[in-house]
Amino acid sequence: DRPTPGDGQVTVEVLAANINFPDALLCRGQY
């Protein structure tokens, strides 16, 4: 499902997502 915006948030359609090293650390549970 699409995430639901909370107070002060907006929905954004992703046009491009950059890969950062923290993304790998997040997957590993090391961030």
PDB file of all heavy atoms in Angstrom:
ATOM      1  N   ASP A   1       0.832  -1.200   0.000  1.00  0.00           N
ATOM      2  CA  ASP A   1       0.000   0.000   0.000  1.00  0.00           C
ATOM      3  C   ASP A   1       0.871   1.255   0.000  1.00  0.00           C
ATOM      4  O   ASP A   1       1.994   1.254   0.511  1.00  0.00           O
ATOM      5  CB  ASP A   1      -0.901   0.024   1.237  1.00  0.00           C
ATOM      6  CG  ASP A   1      -1.911  -1.108   1.248  1.00  0.00           C
ATOM      7  OD1 ASP A   1      -2.295  -1.562   0.143  1.00  0.00           O
ATOM      8  OD2 ASP A   1      -2.306  -1.536   2.353  1.00  0.00           O
ATOM      9  N   ARG A   2       0.322   2.325  -0.551  1.00  0.00           N
ATOM     10  CA  ARG A   2       1.022   3.600  -0.457  1.00  0.00           C
ATOM     11  C   ARG A   2       1.093   4.034   1.012  1.00  0.00           C
ATOM     12  O   ARG A   2       0.140   3.833   1.769  1.00  0.00           O
ATOM     13  CB  ARG A   2       0.280   4.691  -1.229  1.00  0.00           C
ATOM     14  CG  ARG A   2       0.332   4.584  -2.728  1.00  0.00           C
ATOM     15  CD  ARG A   2      -0.234   5.878  -3.331  1.00  0.00           C
ATOM     16  NE  ARG A   2      -0.459   5.757  -4.759  1.00  0.00           N
ATOM     17  CZ  ARG A   2      -0.907   6.750  -5.523  1.00  0.00           C
ATOM     18  NH1 ARG A   2      -1.179   7.924  -4.975  1.00  0.00           N
ATOM     19  NH2 ARG A   2      -1.095   6.552  -6.809  1.00  0.00           N
ATOM     20  N   PRO A   3       2.224   4.624   1.408  1.00  0.00           N
ATOM     21  CA  PRO A   3       2.276   5.146   2.781  1.00  0.00           C
ATOM     22  C   PRO A   3       1.313   6.323   2.934  1.00  0.00           C
ATOM     23  O   PRO A   3       1.052   7.062   1.984  1.00  0.00           O
ATOM     24  CB  PRO A   3       3.738   5.585   2.930  1.00  0.00           C
ATOM     25  CG  PRO A   3       4.211   5.824   1.535  1.00  0.00           C
ATOM     26  CD  PRO A   3       3.476   4.834   0.677  1.00  0.00           C
ATOM     27  N   THR A   4       0.775   6.468   4.121  1.00  0.00           N
ATOM     28  CA  THR A   4      -0.201   7.524   4.394  1.00  0.00           C
ATOM     29  C   THR A   4       0.478   8.707   5.069  1.00  0.00           C
ATOM     30  O   THR A   4       1.130   8.536   6.099  1.00  0.00           O
ATOM     31  CB  THR A   4      -1.323   6.992   5.316  1.00  0.00           C
ATOM     32  OG1 THR A   4      -1.933   5.860   4.684  1.00  0.00           O
ATOM     33  CG2 THR A   4      -2.363   8.063   5.577  1.00  0.00           C
ATOM     34  N   PRO A   5       0.352   9.906   4.509  1.00  0.00           N
ATOM     35  CA  PRO A   5       1.001  11.062   5.131  1.00  0.00           C
ATOM     36  C   PRO A   5       0.363  11.416   6.468  1.00  0.00           C
ATOM     37  O   PRO A   5      -0.863  11.325   6.637  1.00  0.00           O
ATOM     38  CB  PRO A   5       0.803  12.177   4.102  1.00  0.00           C
ATOM     39  CG  PRO A   5      -0.374  11.750   3.278  1.00  0.00           C
ATOM     40  CD  PRO A   5      -0.335  10.252   3.257  1.00  0.00           C
ATOM     41  N   GLY A   6       1.199  11.799   7.422  1.00  0.00           N
ATOM     42  CA  GLY A   6       0.715  12.275   8.706  1.00  0.00           C
ATOM     43  C   GLY A   6       0.635  13.791   8.708  1.00  0.00           C
ATOM     44  O   GLY A   6       0.742  14.438   7.664  1.00  0.00           O
ATOM     45  N   ASP A   7       0.480  14.360   9.874  1.00  0.00           N
ATOM     46  CA  ASP A   7       0.409  15.814   9.985  1.00  0.00           C
ATOM     47  C   ASP A   7       1.713  16.439   9.498  1.00  0.00           C
ATOM     48  O   ASP A   7       2.812  16.009   9.874  1.00  0.00           O
ATOM     49  CB  ASP A   7       0.175  16.223  11.447  1.00  0.00           C
ATOM     50  CG  ASP A   7      -1.207  15.828  11.946  1.00  0.00           C
ATOM     51  OD1 ASP A   7      -2.093  15.588  11.093  1.00  0.00           O
ATOM     52  OD2 ASP A   7      -1.383  15.735  13.177  1.00  0.00           O
ATOM     53  N   GLY A   8       1.594  17.430   8.630  1.00  0.00           N
ATOM     54  CA  GLY A   8       2.769  18.121   8.120  1.00  0.00           C
ATOM     55  C   GLY A   8       3.523  17.363   7.056  1.00  0.00           C
ATOM     56  O   GLY A   8       4.616  17.785   6.654  1.00  0.00           O
ATOM     57  N   GLN A   9       2.965  16.247   6.563  1.00  0.00           N
ATOM     58  CA  GLN A   9       3.626  15.452   5.537  1.00  0.00           C
ATOM     59  C   GLN A   9       2.842  15.496   4.233  1.00  0.00           C
ATOM     60  O   GLN A   9       1.645  15.817   4.216  1.00  0.00           O
ATOM     61  CB  GLN A   9       3.780  14.001   5.990  1.00  0.00           C
ATOM     62  CG  GLN A   9       4.714  13.805   7.174  1.00  0.00           C
ATOM     63  CD  GLN A   9       4.896  12.341   7.519  1.00  0.00           C
ATOM     64  OE1 GLN A   9       3.945  11.556   7.488  1.00  0.00           O
ATOM     65  NE2 GLN A   9       6.128  11.965   7.841  1.00  0.00           N
ATOM     66  N   VAL A  10       3.531  15.159   3.139  1.00  0.00           N
ATOM     67  CA  VAL A  10       2.907  15.117   1.819  1.00  0.00           C
ATOM     68  C   VAL A  10       3.316  13.832   1.112  1.00  0.00           C
ATOM     69  O   VAL A  10       4.352  13.236   1.425  1.00  0.00           O
ATOM     70  CB  VAL A  10       3.309  16.328   0.955  1.00  0.00           C
ATOM     71  CG1 VAL A  10       2.776  17.621   1.544  1.00  0.00           C
ATOM     72  CG2 VAL A  10       4.827  16.404   0.791  1.00  0.00           C
ATOM     73  N   THR A  11       2.494  13.406   0.166  1.00  0.00           N
ATOM     74  CA  THR A  11       2.827  12.266  -0.684  1.00  0.00           C
ATOM     75  C   THR A  11       3.647  12.751  -1.870  1.00  0.00           C
ATOM     76  O   THR A  11       3.334  13.782  -2.473  1.00  0.00           O
ATOM     77  CB  THR A  11       1.549  11.583  -1.193  1.00  0.00           C
ATOM     78  OG1 THR A  11       0.792  11.109  -0.071  1.00  0.00           O
ATOM     79  CG2 THR A  11       1.878  10.411  -2.100  1.00  0.00           C
ATOM     80  N   VAL A  12       4.705  12.015  -2.183  1.00  0.00           N
ATOM     81  CA  VAL A  12       5.596  12.389  -3.279  1.00  0.00           C
ATOM     82  C   VAL A  12       5.779  11.193  -4.204  1.00  0.00           C
ATOM     83  O   VAL A  12       6.114  10.095  -3.745  1.00  0.00           O
ATOM     84  CB  VAL A  12       6.976  12.856  -2.750  1.00  0.00           C
ATOM     85  CG1 VAL A  12       7.868  13.286  -3.919  1.00  0.00           C
ATOM     86  CG2 VAL A  12       6.830  13.986  -1.743  1.00  0.00           C
ATOM     87  N   GLU A  13       5.555  11.399  -5.489  1.00  0.00           N
ATOM     88  CA  GLU A  13       5.840  10.365  -6.491  1.00  0.00           C
ATOM     89  C   GLU A  13       7.341  10.353  -6.742  1.00  0.00           C
ATOM     90  O   GLU A  13       7.952  11.396  -6.985  1.00  0.00           O
ATOM     91  CB  GLU A  13       5.109  10.670  -7.791  1.00  0.00           C
ATOM     92  CG  GLU A  13       5.390   9.667  -8.904  1.00  0.00           C
ATOM     93  CD  GLU A  13       4.814  10.087 -10.237  1.00  0.00           C
ATOM     94  OE1 GLU A  13       4.236  11.197 -10.331  1.00  0.00           O
ATOM     95  OE2 GLU A  13       4.963   9.301 -11.204  1.00  0.00           O
ATOM     96  N   VAL A  14       7.956   9.176  -6.697  1.00  0.00           N
ATOM     97  CA  VAL A  14       9.402   9.068  -6.861  1.00  0.00           C
ATOM     98  C   VAL A  14       9.768   9.112  -8.347  1.00  0.00           C
ATOM     99  O   VAL A  14       9.342   8.257  -9.128  1.00  0.00           O
ATOM    100  CB  VAL A  14       9.938   7.770  -6.220  1.00  0.00           C
ATOM    101  CG1 VAL A  14      11.439   7.648  -6.447  1.00  0.00           C
ATOM    102  CG2 VAL A  14       9.619   7.747  -4.725  1.00  0.00           C
ATOM    103  N   LEU A  15      10.571  10.107  -8.718  1.00  0.00           N
ATOM    104  CA  LEU A  15      11.086  10.216 -10.080  1.00  0.00           C
ATOM    105  C   LEU A  15      12.468   9.592 -10.204  1.00  0.00           C
ATOM    106  O   LEU A  15      12.843   9.107 -11.271  1.00  0.00           O
ATOM    107  CB  LEU A  15      11.152  11.690 -10.502  1.00  0.00           C
ATOM    108  CG  LEU A  15       9.833  12.462 -10.485  1.00  0.00           C
ATOM    109  CD1 LEU A  15      10.086  13.925 -10.826  1.00  0.00           C
ATOM    110  CD2 LEU A  15       8.827  11.844 -11.437  1.00  0.00           C
ATOM    111  N   ALA A  16      13.233   9.609  -9.116  1.00  0.00           N
ATOM    112  CA  ALA A  16      14.572   9.009  -9.082  1.00  0.00           C
ATOM    113  C   ALA A  16      14.977   8.879  -7.628  1.00  0.00           C
ATOM    114  O   ALA A  16      14.709   9.773  -6.817  1.00  0.00           O
ATOM    115  CB  ALA A  16      15.584   9.868  -9.840  1.00  0.00           C
ATOM    116  N   ALA A  17      15.616   7.754  -7.286  1.00  0.00           N
ATOM    117  CA  ALA A  17      16.078   7.511  -5.920  1.00  0.00           C
ATOM    118  C   ALA A  17      17.561   7.209  -5.948  1.00  0.00           C
ATOM    119  O   ALA A  17      17.999   6.262  -6.609  1.00  0.00           O
ATOM    120  CB  ALA A  17      15.309   6.351  -5.279  1.00  0.00           C
ATOM    121  N   ASN A  18      18.346   8.028  -5.263  1.00  0.00           N
ATOM    122  CA  ASN A  18      19.790   7.827  -5.236  1.00  0.00           C
ATOM    123  C   ASN A  18      20.156   6.759  -4.211  1.00  0.00           C
ATOM    124  O   ASN A  18      19.555   6.677  -3.135  1.00  0.00           O
ATOM    125  CB  ASN A  18      20.488   9.144  -4.878  1.00  0.00           C
ATOM    126  CG  ASN A  18      21.985   9.003  -4.816  1.00  0.00           C
ATOM    127  OD1 ASN A  18      22.600   8.414  -5.699  1.00  0.00           O
ATOM    128  ND2 ASN A  18      22.588   9.505  -3.755  1.00  0.00           N
ATOM    129  N   ILE A  19      21.157   5.938  -4.546  1.00  0.00           N
ATOM    130  CA  ILE A  19      21.638   4.916  -3.610  1.00  0.00           C
ATOM    131  C   ILE A  19      22.795   5.494  -2.812  1.00  0.00           C
ATOM    132  O   ILE A  19      23.758   6.020  -3.367  1.00  0.00           O
ATOM    133  CB  ILE A  19      22.092   3.652  -4.358  1.00  0.00           C
ATOM    134  CG1 ILE A  19      20.907   3.030  -5.110  1.00  0.00           C
ATOM    135  CG2 ILE A  19      22.691   2.637  -3.379  1.00  0.00           C
ATOM    136  CD1 ILE A  19      21.292   1.839  -5.968  1.00  0.00           C
ATOM    137  N   ASN A  20      22.700   5.413  -1.506  1.00  0.00           N
ATOM    138  CA  ASN A  20      23.746   5.850  -0.589  1.00  0.00           C
ATOM    139  C   ASN A  20      24.280   4.655   0.186  1.00  0.00           C
ATOM    140  O   ASN A  20      23.567   3.656   0.388  1.00  0.00           O
ATOM    141  CB  ASN A  20      23.196   6.877   0.408  1.00  0.00           C
ATOM    142  CG  ASN A  20      22.951   8.232  -0.223  1.00  0.00           C
ATOM    143  OD1 ASN A  20      23.825   9.077  -0.278  1.00  0.00           O
ATOM    144  ND2 ASN A  20      21.730   8.442  -0.712  1.00  0.00           N
ATOM    145  N   PHE A  21      25.517   4.764   0.664  1.00  0.00           N
ATOM    146  CA  PHE A  21      26.079   3.686   1.475  1.00  0.00           C
ATOM    147  C   PHE A  21      25.218   3.382   2.708  1.00  0.00           C
ATOM    148  O   PHE A  21      25.089   2.210   3.094  1.00  0.00           O
ATOM    149  CB  PHE A  21      27.518   4.025   1.886  1.00  0.00           C
ATOM    150  CG  PHE A  21      28.251   2.874   2.522  1.00  0.00           C
ATOM    151  CD1 PHE A  21      28.596   1.751   1.789  1.00  0.00           C
ATOM    152  CD2 PHE A  21      28.585   2.910   3.869  1.00  0.00           C
ATOM    153  CE1 PHE A  21      29.263   0.679   2.374  1.00  0.00           C
ATOM    154  CE2 PHE A  21      29.254   1.855   4.468  1.00  0.00           C
ATOM    155  CZ  PHE A  21      29.598   0.730   3.718  1.00  0.00           C
ATOM    156  N   PRO A  22      24.599   4.392   3.357  1.00  0.00           N
ATOM    157  CA  PRO A  22      23.706   4.067   4.467  1.00  0.00           C
ATOM    158  C   PRO A  22      22.564   3.120   4.107  1.00  0.00           C
ATOM    159  O   PRO A  22      22.055   2.412   4.980  1.00  0.00           O
ATOM    160  CB  PRO A  22      23.175   5.440   4.894  1.00  0.00           C
ATOM    161  CG  PRO A  22      24.295   6.369   4.582  1.00  0.00           C
ATOM    162  CD  PRO A  22      24.854   5.844   3.287  1.00  0.00           C
ATOM    163  N   ASP A  23      22.168   3.084   2.832  1.00  0.00           N
ATOM    164  CA  ASP A  23      21.133   2.127   2.436  1.00  0.00           C
ATOM    165  C   ASP A  23      21.617   0.691   2.641  1.00  0.00           C
ATOM    166  O   ASP A  23      20.853  -0.177   3.075  1.00  0.00           O
ATOM    167  CB  ASP A  23      20.731   2.343   0.971  1.00  0.00           C
ATOM    168  CG  ASP A  23      20.026   3.666   0.754  1.00  0.00           C
ATOM    169  OD1 ASP A  23      19.157   4.010   1.565  1.00  0.00           O
ATOM    170  OD2 ASP A  23      20.360   4.350  -0.221  1.00  0.00           O
ATOM    171  N   ALA A  24      22.887   0.450   2.332  1.00  0.00           N
ATOM    172  CA  ALA A  24      23.464  -0.874   2.573  1.00  0.00           C
ATOM    173  C   ALA A  24      23.541  -1.161   4.064  1.00  0.00           C
ATOM    174  O   ALA A  24      23.230  -2.278   4.519  1.00  0.00           O
ATOM    175  CB  ALA A  24      24.847  -0.965   1.945  1.00  0.00           C
ATOM    176  N   LEU A  25      23.943  -0.140   4.842  1.00  0.00           N
ATOM    177  CA  LEU A  25      24.028  -0.332   6.288  1.00  0.00           C
ATOM    178  C   LEU A  25      22.651  -0.581   6.898  1.00  0.00           C
ATOM    179  O   LEU A  25      22.511  -1.371   7.840  1.00  0.00           O
ATOM    180  CB  LEU A  25      24.677   0.897   6.938  1.00  0.00           C
ATOM    181  CG  LEU A  25      26.143   1.173   6.553  1.00  0.00           C
ATOM    182  CD1 LEU A  25      26.648   2.423   7.267  1.00  0.00           C
ATOM    183  CD2 LEU A  25      27.028  -0.023   6.880  1.00  0.00           C
ATOM    184  N   LEU A  26      21.623   0.078   6.367  1.00  0.00           N
ATOM    185  CA  LEU A  26      20.260  -0.162   6.839  1.00  0.00           C
ATOM    186  C   LEU A  26      19.870  -1.620   6.604  1.00  0.00           C
ATOM    187  O   LEU A  26      19.287  -2.272   7.488  1.00  0.00           O
ATOM    188  CB  LEU A  26      19.280   0.765   6.119  1.00  0.00           C
ATOM    189  CG  LEU A  26      19.217   2.217   6.595  1.00  0.00           C
ATOM    190  CD1 LEU A  26      18.480   3.078   5.578  1.00  0.00           C
ATOM    191  CD2 LEU A  26      18.529   2.307   7.956  1.00  0.00           C
ATOM    192  N   CYS A  27      20.194  -2.132   5.412  1.00  0.00           N
ATOM    193  CA  CYS A  27      19.878  -3.533   5.115  1.00  0.00           C
ATOM    194  C   CYS A  27      20.596  -4.468   6.086  1.00  0.00           C
ATOM    195  O   CYS A  27      20.023  -5.470   6.538  1.00  0.00           O
ATOM    196  CB  CYS A  27      20.271  -3.874   3.683  1.00  0.00           C
ATOM    197  SG  CYS A  27      19.251  -3.092   2.404  1.00  0.00           S
ATOM    198  N   ARG A  28      21.830  -4.136   6.411  1.00  0.00           N
ATOM    199  CA  ARG A  28      22.626  -4.982   7.297  1.00  0.00           C
ATOM    200  C   ARG A  28      22.264  -4.795   8.770  1.00  0.00           C
ATOM    201  O   ARG A  28      22.742  -5.559   9.618  1.00  0.00           O
ATOM    202  CB  ARG A  28      24.104  -4.662   7.103  1.00  0.00           C
ATOM    203  CG  ARG A  28      24.667  -5.069   5.750  1.00  0.00           C
ATOM    204  CD  ARG A  28      26.047  -4.459   5.525  1.00  0.00           C
ATOM    205  NE  ARG A  28      26.705  -4.974   4.323  1.00  0.00           N
ATOM    206  CZ  ARG A  28      27.788  -4.430   3.789  1.00  0.00           C
ATOM    207  NH1 ARG A  28      28.340  -3.358   4.339  1.00  0.00           N
ATOM    208  NH2 ARG A  28      28.317  -4.954   2.694  1.00  0.00           N
ATOM    209  N   GLY A  29      21.470  -3.790   9.086  1.00  0.00           N
ATOM    210  CA  GLY A  29      21.157  -3.503  10.482  1.00  0.00           C
ATOM    211  C   GLY A  29      22.302  -2.843  11.207  1.00  0.00           C
ATOM    212  O   GLY A  29      22.384  -2.909  12.441  1.00  0.00           O
ATOM    213  N   GLN A  30      23.182  -2.153  10.464  1.00  0.00           N
ATOM    214  CA  GLN A  30      24.381  -1.560  11.044  1.00  0.00           C
ATOM    215  C   GLN A  30      24.350  -0.038  11.059  1.00  0.00           C
ATOM    216  O   GLN A  30      25.324   0.592  11.453  1.00  0.00           O
ATOM    217  CB  GLN A  30      25.623  -2.027  10.269  1.00  0.00           C
ATOM    218  CG  GLN A  30      25.862  -3.524  10.360  1.00  0.00           C
ATOM    219  CD  GLN A  30      27.004  -3.984   9.465  1.00  0.00           C
ATOM    220  OE1 GLN A  30      27.480  -3.240   8.601  1.00  0.00           O
ATOM    221  NE2 GLN A  30      27.443  -5.214   9.669  1.00  0.00           N
ATOM    222  N   TYR A  31      23.242   0.557  10.622  1.00  0.00           N
ATOM    223  CA  TYR A  31      23.163   2.015  10.604  1.00  0.00           C
ATOM    224  C   TYR A  31      22.729   2.518  11.978  1.00  0.00           C
ATOM    225  O   TYR A  31      22.145   1.779  12.772  1.00  0.00           O
ATOM    226  CB  TYR A  31      22.174   2.473   9.528  1.00  0.00           C
ATOM    227  CG  TYR A  31      22.293   3.929   9.161  1.00  0.00           C
ATOM    228  CD1 TYR A  31      23.519   4.483   8.811  1.00  0.00           C
ATOM    229  CD2 TYR A  31      21.174   4.759   9.155  1.00  0.00           C
ATOM    230  CE1 TYR A  31      23.628   5.815   8.462  1.00  0.00           C
ATOM    231  CE2 TYR A  31      21.270   6.094   8.803  1.00  0.00           C
ATOM    232  CZ  TYR A  31      22.499   6.616   8.465  1.00  0.00           C
ATOM    233  OH  TYR A  31      22.609   7.953   8.129  1.00  0.00           O
TER     234      TYR A  31
END
